[in-house]
Amino acid sequence: MPTAATNSQVTITDAPAHGRFEARIGATLTGFADYVRDDDLVTYPRVVVSRPFRGRGIGDRLVRAALDDARRRGLRIRPACSFVEQWIVMHPEYRDLVAEEAGEAGETPGG
């Protein structure tokens, strides 16, 4: 079931057919956060924001939407992308979502 969150001009939508959350301004795709769901675990291998749209908080909005979706679904996460890893460090309220096996890549899960 697709989910959407709008913040300012940027709309974030879950595009499950593409395995990613997409950020758009109007009809323009400005960025995306890929995901792979496997049972109760979701992995985020990369977050991409198009160069002309960087610095506008689009990556932040993509990660927040993706992690909020994981929380709603009761999924654990694996932040395989360094941007997602660092985002979680800066937003420790999401640390409880991190699966234990992701701990070797950075922060220890839990807290």
PDB file of N, CA and C in Angstrom:
ATOM      1  N   MET A   1       0.845  -1.167   0.000  1.00  0.00           N
ATOM      2  CA  MET A   1       0.000   0.000   0.000  1.00  0.00           C
ATOM      3  C   MET A   1       0.897   1.239   0.000  1.00  0.00           C
ATOM      4  N   PRO A   2       0.827   2.073  -1.022  1.00  0.00           N
ATOM      5  CA  PRO A   2       1.661   3.266  -1.097  1.00  0.00           C
ATOM      6  C   PRO A   2       1.332   4.259   0.015  1.00  0.00           C
ATOM      7  N   THR A   3       2.376   4.927   0.476  1.00  0.00           N
ATOM      8  CA  THR A   3       2.190   5.977   1.467  1.00  0.00           C
ATOM      9  C   THR A   3       2.793   7.248   0.912  1.00  0.00           C
ATOM     10  N   ALA A   4       2.326   8.370   1.380  1.00  0.00           N
ATOM     11  CA  ALA A   4       2.872   9.647   0.917  1.00  0.00           C
ATOM     12  C   ALA A   4       2.962  10.605   2.088  1.00  0.00           C
ATOM     13  N   ALA A   5       3.966  11.457   2.040  1.00  0.00           N
ATOM     14  CA  ALA A   5       4.111  12.520   3.034  1.00  0.00           C
ATOM     15  C   ALA A   5       4.556  13.757   2.284  1.00  0.00           C
ATOM     16  N   THR A   6       3.890  14.849   2.506  1.00  0.00           N
ATOM     17  CA  THR A   6       4.248  16.080   1.815  1.00  0.00           C
ATOM     18  C   THR A   6       4.829  17.060   2.820  1.00  0.00           C
ATOM     19  N   ASN A   7       5.942  17.674   2.452  1.00  0.00           N
ATOM     20  CA  ASN A   7       6.564  18.687   3.284  1.00  0.00           C
ATOM     21  C   ASN A   7       6.986  19.797   2.339  1.00  0.00           C
ATOM     22  N   SER A   8       6.369  20.968   2.475  1.00  0.00           N
ATOM     23  CA  SER A   8       6.667  22.085   1.598  1.00  0.00           C
ATOM     24  C   SER A   8       6.292  21.699   0.173  1.00  0.00           C
ATOM     25  N   GLN A   9       7.198  21.905  -0.779  1.00  0.00           N
ATOM     26  CA  GLN A   9       6.932  21.579  -2.180  1.00  0.00           C
ATOM     27  C   GLN A   9       7.264  20.135  -2.499  1.00  0.00           C
ATOM     28  N   VAL A  10       7.956  19.458  -1.617  1.00  0.00           N
ATOM     29  CA  VAL A  10       8.437  18.103  -1.881  1.00  0.00           C
ATOM     30  C   VAL A  10       7.409  17.083  -1.416  1.00  0.00           C
ATOM     31  N   THR A  11       7.076  16.146  -2.303  1.00  0.00           N
ATOM     32  CA  THR A  11       6.177  15.061  -1.961  1.00  0.00           C
ATOM     33  C   THR A  11       6.977  13.763  -1.956  1.00  0.00           C
ATOM     34  N   ILE A  12       6.867  13.004  -0.874  1.00  0.00           N
ATOM     35  CA  ILE A  12       7.543  11.720  -0.746  1.00  0.00           C
ATOM     36  C   ILE A  12       6.490  10.632  -0.885  1.00  0.00           C
ATOM     37  N   THR A  13       6.726   9.692  -1.798  1.00  0.00           N
ATOM     38  CA  THR A  13       5.771   8.627  -2.064  1.00  0.00           C
ATOM     39  C   THR A  13       6.494   7.289  -2.090  1.00  0.00           C
ATOM     40  N   ASP A  14       5.883   6.280  -1.490  1.00  0.00           N
ATOM     41  CA  ASP A  14       6.395   4.915  -1.582  1.00  0.00           C
ATOM     42  C   ASP A  14       6.027   4.382  -2.961  1.00  0.00           C
ATOM     43  N   ALA A  15       7.026   3.939  -3.704  1.00  0.00           N
ATOM     44  CA  ALA A  15       6.813   3.358  -5.038  1.00  0.00           C
ATOM     45  C   ALA A  15       7.241   1.895  -4.976  1.00  0.00           C
ATOM     46  N   PRO A  16       6.400   1.018  -4.406  1.00  0.00           N
ATOM     47  CA  PRO A  16       6.798  -0.377  -4.197  1.00  0.00           C
ATOM     48  C   PRO A  16       7.151  -1.122  -5.478  1.00  0.00           C
ATOM     49  N   ALA A  17       6.578  -0.749  -6.605  1.00  0.00           N
ATOM     50  CA  ALA A  17       6.915  -1.406  -7.875  1.00  0.00           C
ATOM     51  C   ALA A  17       8.374  -1.166  -8.248  1.00  0.00           C
ATOM     52  N   HIS A  18       8.942  -0.062  -7.745  1.00  0.00           N
ATOM     53  CA  HIS A  18      10.346   0.273  -8.015  1.00  0.00           C
ATOM     54  C   HIS A  18      11.239  -0.006  -6.815  1.00  0.00           C
ATOM     55  N   GLY A  19      10.644  -0.420  -5.685  1.00  0.00           N
ATOM     56  CA  GLY A  19      11.412  -0.704  -4.483  1.00  0.00           C
ATOM     57  C   GLY A  19      12.104   0.531  -3.934  1.00  0.00           C
ATOM     58  N   ARG A  20      11.364   1.634  -3.883  1.00  0.00           N
ATOM     59  CA  ARG A  20      11.978   2.862  -3.388  1.00  0.00           C
ATOM     60  C   ARG A  20      10.922   3.886  -2.981  1.00  0.00           C
ATOM     61  N   PHE A  21      11.369   4.802  -2.147  1.00  0.00           N
ATOM     62  CA  PHE A  21      10.599   6.000  -1.861  1.00  0.00           C
ATOM     63  C   PHE A  21      11.094   7.058  -2.829  1.00  0.00           C
ATOM     64  N   GLU A  22      10.170   7.808  -3.399  1.00  0.00           N
ATOM     65  CA  GLU A  22      10.530   8.825  -4.378  1.00  0.00           C
ATOM     66  C   GLU A  22      10.165  10.213  -3.868  1.00  0.00           C
ATOM     67  N   ALA A  23      11.050  11.163  -4.121  1.00  0.00           N
ATOM     68  CA  ALA A  23      10.804  12.569  -3.800  1.00  0.00           C
ATOM     69  C   ALA A  23      10.538  13.303  -5.107  1.00  0.00           C
ATOM     70  N   ARG A  24       9.489  14.081  -5.112  1.00  0.00           N
ATOM     71  CA  ARG A  24       9.134  14.857  -6.305  1.00  0.00           C
ATOM     72  C   ARG A  24       8.781  16.281  -5.913  1.00  0.00           C
ATOM     73  N   ILE A  25       9.127  17.183  -6.793  1.00  0.00           N
ATOM     74  CA  ILE A  25       8.623  18.546  -6.747  1.00  0.00           C
ATOM     75  C   ILE A  25       7.796  18.676  -8.011  1.00  0.00           C
ATOM     76  N   GLY A  26       6.491  18.759  -7.846  1.00  0.00           N
ATOM     77  CA  GLY A  26       5.611  18.688  -9.012  1.00  0.00           C
ATOM     78  C   GLY A  26       5.775  17.310  -9.641  1.00  0.00           C
ATOM     79  N   ALA A  27       6.018  17.279 -10.936  1.00  0.00           N
ATOM     80  CA  ALA A  27       6.206  16.015 -11.633  1.00  0.00           C
ATOM     81  C   ALA A  27       7.673  15.602 -11.707  1.00  0.00           C
ATOM     82  N   THR A  28       8.575  16.436 -11.194  1.00  0.00           N
ATOM     83  CA  THR A  28      10.019  16.181 -11.318  1.00  0.00           C
ATOM     84  C   THR A  28      10.521  15.287 -10.203  1.00  0.00           C
ATOM     85  N   LEU A  29      11.113  14.155 -10.590  1.00  0.00           N
ATOM     86  CA  LEU A  29      11.749  13.258  -9.633  1.00  0.00           C
ATOM     87  C   LEU A  29      13.031  13.928  -9.166  1.00  0.00           C
ATOM     88  N   THR A  30      13.112  14.208  -7.859  1.00  0.00           N
ATOM     89  CA  THR A  30      14.272  14.913  -7.315  1.00  0.00           C
ATOM     90  C   THR A  30      15.206  14.003  -6.534  1.00  0.00           C
ATOM     91  N   GLY A  31      14.714  12.841  -6.127  1.00  0.00           N
ATOM     92  CA  GLY A  31      15.546  11.905  -5.383  1.00  0.00           C
ATOM     93  C   GLY A  31      14.772  10.652  -5.044  1.00  0.00           C
ATOM     94  N   PHE A  32      15.508   9.669  -4.498  1.00  0.00           N
ATOM     95  CA  PHE A  32      14.868   8.421  -4.100  1.00  0.00           C
ATOM     96  C   PHE A  32      15.719   7.710  -3.063  1.00  0.00           C
ATOM     97  N   ALA A  33      15.049   6.844  -2.305  1.00  0.00           N
ATOM     98  CA  ALA A  33      15.702   5.984  -1.318  1.00  0.00           C
ATOM     99  C   ALA A  33      15.294   4.558  -1.642  1.00  0.00           C
ATOM    100  N   ASP A  34      16.241   3.774  -2.159  1.00  0.00           N
ATOM    101  CA  ASP A  34      15.973   2.380  -2.486  1.00  0.00           C
ATOM    102  C   ASP A  34      15.770   1.566  -1.221  1.00  0.00           C
ATOM    103  N   TYR A  35      14.958   0.520  -1.324  1.00  0.00           N
ATOM    104  CA  TYR A  35      14.802  -0.417  -0.208  1.00  0.00           C
ATOM    105  C   TYR A  35      14.593  -1.826  -0.734  1.00  0.00           C
ATOM    106  N   VAL A  36      14.947  -2.791   0.120  1.00  0.00           N
ATOM    107  CA  VAL A  36      14.703  -4.207  -0.161  1.00  0.00           C
ATOM    108  C   VAL A  36      14.039  -4.767   1.093  1.00  0.00           C
ATOM    109  N   ARG A  37      12.805  -5.200   0.947  1.00  0.00           N
ATOM    110  CA  ARG A  37      12.085  -5.790   2.078  1.00  0.00           C
ATOM    111  C   ARG A  37      12.210  -7.298   2.005  1.00  0.00           C
ATOM    112  N   ASP A  38      12.553  -7.909   3.150  1.00  0.00           N
ATOM    113  CA  ASP A  38      12.699  -9.362   3.246  1.00  0.00           C
ATOM    114  C   ASP A  38      12.136  -9.782   4.591  1.00  0.00           C
ATOM    115  N   ASP A  39      10.947 -10.372   4.585  1.00  0.00           N
ATOM    116  CA  ASP A  39      10.239 -10.746   5.811  1.00  0.00           C
ATOM    117  C   ASP A  39      10.070  -9.527   6.710  1.00  0.00           C
ATOM    118  N   ASP A  40      10.690  -9.554   7.891  1.00  0.00           N
ATOM    119  CA  ASP A  40      10.512  -8.449   8.828  1.00  0.00           C
ATOM    120  C   ASP A  40      11.705  -7.499   8.843  1.00  0.00           C
ATOM    121  N   LEU A  41      12.509  -7.519   7.778  1.00  0.00           N
ATOM    122  CA  LEU A  41      13.700  -6.672   7.678  1.00  0.00           C
ATOM    123  C   LEU A  41      13.647  -5.862   6.382  1.00  0.00           C
ATOM    124  N   VAL A  42      14.011  -4.607   6.475  1.00  0.00           N
ATOM    125  CA  VAL A  42      14.112  -3.775   5.270  1.00  0.00           C
ATOM    126  C   VAL A  42      15.514  -3.169   5.246  1.00  0.00           C
ATOM    127  N   THR A  43      16.167  -3.289   4.083  1.00  0.00           N
ATOM    128  CA  THR A  43      17.518  -2.761   3.880  1.00  0.00           C
ATOM    129  C   THR A  43      17.425  -1.533   2.993  1.00  0.00           C
ATOM    130  N   TYR A  44      18.214  -0.508   3.343  1.00  0.00           N
ATOM    131  CA  TYR A  44      18.269   0.719   2.559  1.00  0.00           C
ATOM    132  C   TYR A  44      19.667   0.822   1.947  1.00  0.00           C
ATOM    133  N   PRO A  45      19.837   0.373   0.688  1.00  0.00           N
ATOM    134  CA  PRO A  45      21.172   0.372   0.083  1.00  0.00           C
ATOM    135  C   PRO A  45      21.664   1.726  -0.406  1.00  0.00           C
ATOM    136  N   ARG A  46      20.761   2.656  -0.741  1.00  0.00           N
ATOM    137  CA  ARG A  46      21.233   3.966  -1.200  1.00  0.00           C
ATOM    138  C   ARG A  46      20.125   5.002  -1.176  1.00  0.00           C
ATOM    139  N   VAL A  47      20.568   6.224  -0.990  1.00  0.00           N
ATOM    140  CA  VAL A  47      19.704   7.403  -1.094  1.00  0.00           C
ATOM    141  C   VAL A  47      20.371   8.314  -2.109  1.00  0.00           C
ATOM    142  N   VAL A  48      19.603   8.753  -3.097  1.00  0.00           N
ATOM    143  CA  VAL A  48      20.133   9.594  -4.166  1.00  0.00           C
ATOM    144  C   VAL A  48      19.269  10.839  -4.287  1.00  0.00           C
ATOM    145  N   VAL A  49      19.918  11.993  -4.311  1.00  0.00           N
ATOM    146  CA  VAL A  49      19.226  13.263  -4.578  1.00  0.00           C
ATOM    147  C   VAL A  49      19.927  13.881  -5.785  1.00  0.00           C
ATOM    148  N   SER A  50      19.141  14.268  -6.782  1.00  0.00           N
ATOM    149  CA  SER A  50      19.701  14.879  -7.987  1.00  0.00           C
ATOM    150  C   SER A  50      20.462  16.142  -7.627  1.00  0.00           C
ATOM    151  N   ARG A  51      21.585  16.331  -8.275  1.00  0.00           N
ATOM    152  CA  ARG A  51      22.489  17.437  -7.955  1.00  0.00           C
ATOM    153  C   ARG A  51      21.795  18.800  -7.832  1.00  0.00           C
ATOM    154  N   PRO A  52      20.910  19.180  -8.754  1.00  0.00           N
ATOM    155  CA  PRO A  52      20.304  20.513  -8.622  1.00  0.00           C
ATOM    156  C   PRO A  52      19.411  20.675  -7.391  1.00  0.00           C
ATOM    157  N   PHE A  53      19.048  19.569  -6.743  1.00  0.00           N
ATOM    158  CA  PHE A  53      18.121  19.631  -5.613  1.00  0.00           C
ATOM    159  C   PHE A  53      18.795  19.341  -4.276  1.00  0.00           C
ATOM    160  N   ARG A  54      20.097  19.166  -4.273  1.00  0.00           N
ATOM    161  CA  ARG A  54      20.818  18.890  -3.033  1.00  0.00           C
ATOM    162  C   ARG A  54      20.815  20.116  -2.130  1.00  0.00           C
ATOM    163  N   GLY A  55      20.908  19.872  -0.828  1.00  0.00           N
ATOM    164  CA  GLY A  55      20.945  20.955   0.136  1.00  0.00           C
ATOM    165  C   GLY A  55      19.585  21.494   0.520  1.00  0.00           C
ATOM    166  N   ARG A  56      18.522  20.847   0.091  1.00  0.00           N
ATOM    167  CA  ARG A  56      17.160  21.295   0.402  1.00  0.00           C
ATOM    168  C   ARG A  56      16.466  20.397   1.423  1.00  0.00           C
ATOM    169  N   GLY A  57      17.199  19.433   1.979  1.00  0.00           N
ATOM    170  CA  GLY A  57      16.606  18.534   2.971  1.00  0.00           C
ATOM    171  C   GLY A  57      15.819  17.386   2.376  1.00  0.00           C
ATOM    172  N   ILE A  58      15.970  17.151   1.089  1.00  0.00           N
ATOM    173  CA  ILE A  58      15.215  16.089   0.434  1.00  0.00           C
ATOM    174  C   ILE A  58      15.668  14.714   0.925  1.00  0.00           C
ATOM    175  N   GLY A  59      16.969  14.511   1.075  1.00  0.00           N
ATOM    176  CA  GLY A  59      17.468  13.239   1.600  1.00  0.00           C
ATOM    177  C   GLY A  59      16.932  12.977   2.994  1.00  0.00           C
ATOM    178  N   ASP A  60      16.908  14.005   3.819  1.00  0.00           N
ATOM    179  CA  ASP A  60      16.359  13.901   5.171  1.00  0.00           C
ATOM    180  C   ASP A  60      14.900  13.456   5.123  1.00  0.00           C
ATOM    181  N   ARG A  61      14.132  14.063   4.269  1.00  0.00           N
ATOM    182  CA  ARG A  61      12.706  13.726   4.162  1.00  0.00           C
ATOM    183  C   ARG A  61      12.502  12.304   3.652  1.00  0.00           C
ATOM    184  N   LEU A  62      13.349  11.885   2.707  1.00  0.00           N
ATOM    185  CA  LEU A  62      13.257  10.516   2.199  1.00  0.00           C
ATOM    186  C   LEU A  62      13.523   9.499   3.307  1.00  0.00           C
ATOM    187  N   VAL A  63      14.596   9.708   4.064  1.00  0.00           N
ATOM    188  CA  VAL A  63      14.951   8.758   5.122  1.00  0.00           C
ATOM    189  C   VAL A  63      13.874   8.743   6.207  1.00  0.00           C
ATOM    190  N   ARG A  64      13.410   9.905   6.613  1.00  0.00           N
ATOM    191  CA  ARG A  64      12.367   9.957   7.651  1.00  0.00           C
ATOM    192  C   ARG A  64      11.117   9.209   7.185  1.00  0.00           C
ATOM    193  N   ALA A  65      10.682   9.419   5.955  1.00  0.00           N
ATOM    194  CA  ALA A  65       9.496   8.731   5.436  1.00  0.00           C
ATOM    195  C   ALA A  65       9.713   7.224   5.392  1.00  0.00           C
ATOM    196  N   ALA A  66      10.899   6.804   4.963  1.00  0.00           N
ATOM    197  CA  ALA A  66      11.202   5.374   4.875  1.00  0.00           C
ATOM    198  C   ALA A  66      11.206   4.731   6.261  1.00  0.00           C
ATOM    199  N   LEU A  67      11.828   5.386   7.230  1.00  0.00           N
ATOM    200  CA  LEU A  67      11.911   4.808   8.573  1.00  0.00           C
ATOM    201  C   LEU A  67      10.563   4.861   9.291  1.00  0.00           C
ATOM    202  N   ASP A  68       9.800   5.915   9.060  1.00  0.00           N
ATOM    203  CA  ASP A  68       8.451   5.959   9.629  1.00  0.00           C
ATOM    204  C   ASP A  68       7.597   4.828   9.061  1.00  0.00           C
ATOM    205  N   ASP A  69       7.760   4.546   7.780  1.00  0.00           N
ATOM    206  CA  ASP A  69       7.040   3.444   7.151  1.00  0.00           C
ATOM    207  C   ASP A  69       7.460   2.110   7.765  1.00  0.00           C
ATOM    208  N   ALA A  70       8.760   1.906   7.968  1.00  0.00           N
ATOM    209  CA  ALA A  70       9.246   0.669   8.589  1.00  0.00           C
ATOM    210  C   ALA A  70       8.651   0.505   9.979  1.00  0.00           C
ATOM    211  N   ARG A  71       8.607   1.594  10.746  1.00  0.00           N
ATOM    212  CA  ARG A  71       8.037   1.536  12.098  1.00  0.00           C
ATOM    213  C   ARG A  71       6.563   1.141  12.040  1.00  0.00           C
ATOM    214  N   ARG A  72       5.791   1.756  11.141  1.00  0.00           N
ATOM    215  CA  ARG A  72       4.365   1.420  11.006  1.00  0.00           C
ATOM    216  C   ARG A  72       4.167  -0.042  10.653  1.00  0.00           C
ATOM    217  N   ARG A  73       5.058  -0.588   9.838  1.00  0.00           N
ATOM    218  CA  ARG A  73       4.945  -1.983   9.404  1.00  0.00           C
ATOM    219  C   ARG A  73       5.527  -2.964  10.422  1.00  0.00           C
ATOM    220  N   GLY A  74       6.176  -2.465  11.467  1.00  0.00           N
ATOM    221  CA  GLY A  74       6.786  -3.335  12.466  1.00  0.00           C
ATOM    222  C   GLY A  74       8.052  -4.004  11.963  1.00  0.00           C
ATOM    223  N   LEU A  75       8.776  -3.340  11.030  1.00  0.00           N
ATOM    224  CA  LEU A  75       9.982  -3.909  10.451  1.00  0.00           C
ATOM    225  C   LEU A  75      11.234  -3.438  11.177  1.00  0.00           C
ATOM    226  N   ARG A  76      12.260  -4.271  11.171  1.00  0.00           N
ATOM    227  CA  ARG A  76      13.596  -3.881  11.608  1.00  0.00           C
ATOM    228  C   ARG A  76      14.299  -3.360  10.354  1.00  0.00           C
ATOM    229  N   ILE A  77      15.326  -2.544  10.538  1.00  0.00           N
ATOM    230  CA  ILE A  77      16.004  -1.970   9.371  1.00  0.00           C
ATOM    231  C   ILE A  77      17.488  -2.303   9.357  1.00  0.00           C
ATOM    232  N   ARG A  78      18.032  -2.304   8.156  1.00  0.00           N
ATOM    233  CA  ARG A  78      19.472  -2.429   7.953  1.00  0.00           C
ATOM    234  C   ARG A  78      19.896  -1.221   7.117  1.00  0.00           C
ATOM    235  N   PRO A  79      20.582  -0.260   7.726  1.00  0.00           N
ATOM    236  CA  PRO A  79      21.024   0.931   6.985  1.00  0.00           C
ATOM    237  C   PRO A  79      22.327   0.650   6.231  1.00  0.00           C
ATOM    238  N   ALA A  80      22.232   0.079   5.038  1.00  0.00           N
ATOM    239  CA  ALA A  80      23.417  -0.272   4.250  1.00  0.00           C
ATOM    240  C   ALA A  80      24.043   0.949   3.578  1.00  0.00           C
ATOM    241  N   CYS A  81      23.363   2.064   3.617  1.00  0.00           N
ATOM    242  CA  CYS A  81      23.829   3.319   3.017  1.00  0.00           C
ATOM    243  C   CYS A  81      24.402   4.206   4.120  1.00  0.00           C
ATOM    244  N   SER A  82      25.565   4.792   3.880  1.00  0.00           N
ATOM    245  CA  SER A  82      26.191   5.630   4.906  1.00  0.00           C
ATOM    246  C   SER A  82      25.332   6.849   5.254  1.00  0.00           C
ATOM    247  N   PHE A  83      24.579   7.367   4.291  1.00  0.00           N
ATOM    248  CA  PHE A  83      23.704   8.507   4.582  1.00  0.00           C
ATOM    249  C   PHE A  83      22.639   8.111   5.605  1.00  0.00           C
ATOM    250  N   VAL A  84      22.047   6.932   5.427  1.00  0.00           N
ATOM    251  CA  VAL A  84      21.027   6.451   6.362  1.00  0.00           C
ATOM    252  C   VAL A  84      21.662   6.196   7.732  1.00  0.00           C
ATOM    253  N   GLU A  85      22.839   5.591   7.749  1.00  0.00           N
ATOM    254  CA  GLU A  85      23.544   5.344   9.019  1.00  0.00           C
ATOM    255  C   GLU A  85      23.758   6.650   9.781  1.00  0.00           C
ATOM    256  N   GLN A  86      24.288   7.652   9.095  1.00  0.00           N
ATOM    257  CA  GLN A  86      24.561   8.934   9.738  1.00  0.00           C
ATOM    258  C   GLN A  86      23.279   9.647  10.161  1.00  0.00           C
ATOM    259  N   TRP A  87      22.237   9.488   9.365  1.00  0.00           N
ATOM    260  CA  TRP A  87      20.955  10.104   9.696  1.00  0.00           C
ATOM    261  C   TRP A  87      20.445   9.539  11.015  1.00  0.00           C
ATOM    262  N   ILE A  88      20.573   8.236  11.197  1.00  0.00           N
ATOM    263  CA  ILE A  88      20.116   7.595  12.439  1.00  0.00           C
ATOM    264  C   ILE A  88      20.959   8.055  13.624  1.00  0.00           C
ATOM    265  N   VAL A  89      22.263   8.238  13.420  1.00  0.00           N
ATOM    266  CA  VAL A  89      23.114   8.766  14.491  1.00  0.00           C
ATOM    267  C   VAL A  89      22.598  10.144  14.922  1.00  0.00           C
ATOM    268  N   MET A  90      22.184  10.952  13.958  1.00  0.00           N
ATOM    269  CA  MET A  90      21.704  12.305  14.256  1.00  0.00           C
ATOM    270  C   MET A  90      20.258  12.320  14.765  1.00  0.00           C
ATOM    271  N   HIS A  91      19.539  11.210  14.593  1.00  0.00           N
ATOM    272  CA  HIS A  91      18.148  11.088  15.029  1.00  0.00           C
ATOM    273  C   HIS A  91      18.010   9.797  15.839  1.00  0.00           C
ATOM    274  N   PRO A  92      18.549   9.780  17.069  1.00  0.00           N
ATOM    275  CA  PRO A  92      18.598   8.542  17.852  1.00  0.00           C
ATOM    276  C   PRO A  92      17.228   7.957  18.190  1.00  0.00           C
ATOM    277  N   GLU A  93      16.169   8.716  18.012  1.00  0.00           N
ATOM    278  CA  GLU A  93      14.836   8.176  18.270  1.00  0.00           C
ATOM    279  C   GLU A  93      14.465   7.068  17.280  1.00  0.00           C
ATOM    280  N   TYR A  94      15.268   6.894  16.240  1.00  0.00           N
ATOM    281  CA  TYR A  94      15.034   5.824  15.259  1.00  0.00           C
ATOM    282  C   TYR A  94      15.983   4.637  15.467  1.00  0.00           C
ATOM    283  N   ARG A  95      16.899   4.741  16.405  1.00  0.00           N
ATOM    284  CA  ARG A  95      17.907   3.700  16.616  1.00  0.00           C
ATOM    285  C   ARG A  95      17.290   2.354  16.980  1.00  0.00           C
ATOM    286  N   ASP A  96      16.129   2.374  17.636  1.00  0.00           N
ATOM    287  CA  ASP A  96      15.485   1.125  18.038  1.00  0.00           C
ATOM    288  C   ASP A  96      15.052   0.267  16.849  1.00  0.00           C
ATOM    289  N   LEU A  97      14.990   0.848  15.658  1.00  0.00           N
ATOM    290  CA  LEU A  97      14.602   0.093  14.461  1.00  0.00           C
ATOM    291  C   LEU A  97      15.748  -0.732  13.886  1.00  0.00           C
ATOM    292  N   VAL A  98      16.978  -0.392  14.226  1.00  0.00           N
ATOM    293  CA  VAL A  98      18.143  -1.018  13.605  1.00  0.00           C
ATOM    294  C   VAL A  98      18.282  -2.464  14.055  1.00  0.00           C
ATOM    295  N   ALA A  99      18.377  -3.378  13.085  1.00  0.00           N
ATOM    296  CA  ALA A  99      18.575  -4.793  13.373  1.00  0.00           C
ATOM    297  C   ALA A  99      19.970  -5.001  13.939  1.00  0.00           C
ATOM    298  N   GLU A 100      20.130  -5.948  14.825  1.00  0.00           N
ATOM    299  CA  GLU A 100      21.413  -6.182  15.488  1.00  0.00           C
ATOM    300  C   GLU A 100      22.551  -6.408  14.516  1.00  0.00           C
ATOM    301  N   GLU A 101      22.297  -7.114  13.415  1.00  0.00           N
ATOM    302  CA  GLU A 101      23.378  -7.396  12.475  1.00  0.00           C
ATOM    303  C   GLU A 101      23.948  -6.143  11.836  1.00  0.00           C
ATOM    304  N   ALA A 102      23.207  -5.017  11.869  1.00  0.00           N
ATOM    305  CA  ALA A 102      23.711  -3.764  11.311  1.00  0.00           C
ATOM    306  C   ALA A 102      24.704  -3.098  12.255  1.00  0.00           C
ATOM    307  N   GLY A 103      24.776  -3.554  13.511  1.00  0.00           N
ATOM    308  CA  GLY A 103      25.646  -2.932  14.496  1.00  0.00           C
ATOM    309  C   GLY A 103      27.102  -2.926  14.109  1.00  0.00           C
ATOM    310  N   GLU A 104      27.563  -3.917  13.347  1.00  0.00           N
ATOM    311  CA  GLU A 104      28.969  -3.965  12.963  1.00  0.00           C
ATOM    312  C   GLU A 104      29.360  -2.821  12.049  1.00  0.00           C
ATOM    313  N   ALA A 105      28.374  -2.150  11.417  1.00  0.00           N
ATOM    314  CA  ALA A 105      28.676  -1.055  10.487  1.00  0.00           C
ATOM    315  C   ALA A 105      28.802   0.288  11.168  1.00  0.00           C
ATOM    316  N   GLY A 106      28.518   0.370  12.458  1.00  0.00           N
ATOM    317  CA  GLY A 106      28.612   1.687  13.098  1.00  0.00           C
ATOM    318  C   GLY A 106      28.079   1.630  14.509  1.00  0.00           C
ATOM    319  N   GLU A 107      27.060   2.396  14.760  1.00  0.00           N
ATOM    320  CA  GLU A 107      26.489   2.496  16.093  1.00  0.00           C
ATOM    321  C   GLU A 107      25.932   1.152  16.556  1.00  0.00           C
ATOM    322  N   THR A 108      26.049   0.886  17.830  1.00  0.00           N
ATOM    323  CA  THR A 108      25.456  -0.308  18.404  1.00  0.00           C
ATOM    324  C   THR A 108      23.956  -0.092  18.519  1.00  0.00           C
ATOM    325  N   PRO A 109      23.151  -1.046  18.034  1.00  0.00           N
ATOM    326  CA  PRO A 109      21.704  -0.876  18.105  1.00  0.00           C
ATOM    327  C   PRO A 109      21.219  -0.852  19.555  1.00  0.00           C
ATOM    328  N   GLY A 110      20.018  -0.347  19.718  1.00  0.00           N
ATOM    329  CA  GLY A 110      19.446  -0.276  21.051  1.00  0.00           C
ATOM    330  C   GLY A 110      19.708   1.080  21.660  1.00  0.00           C
ATOM    331  N   GLY A 111      19.649   1.130  22.952  1.00  0.00           N
ATOM    332  CA  GLY A 111      20.015   2.409  23.529  1.00  0.00           C
ATOM    333  C   GLY A 111      19.227   2.830  24.657  1.00  0.00           C
TER     334      GLY A 111
END
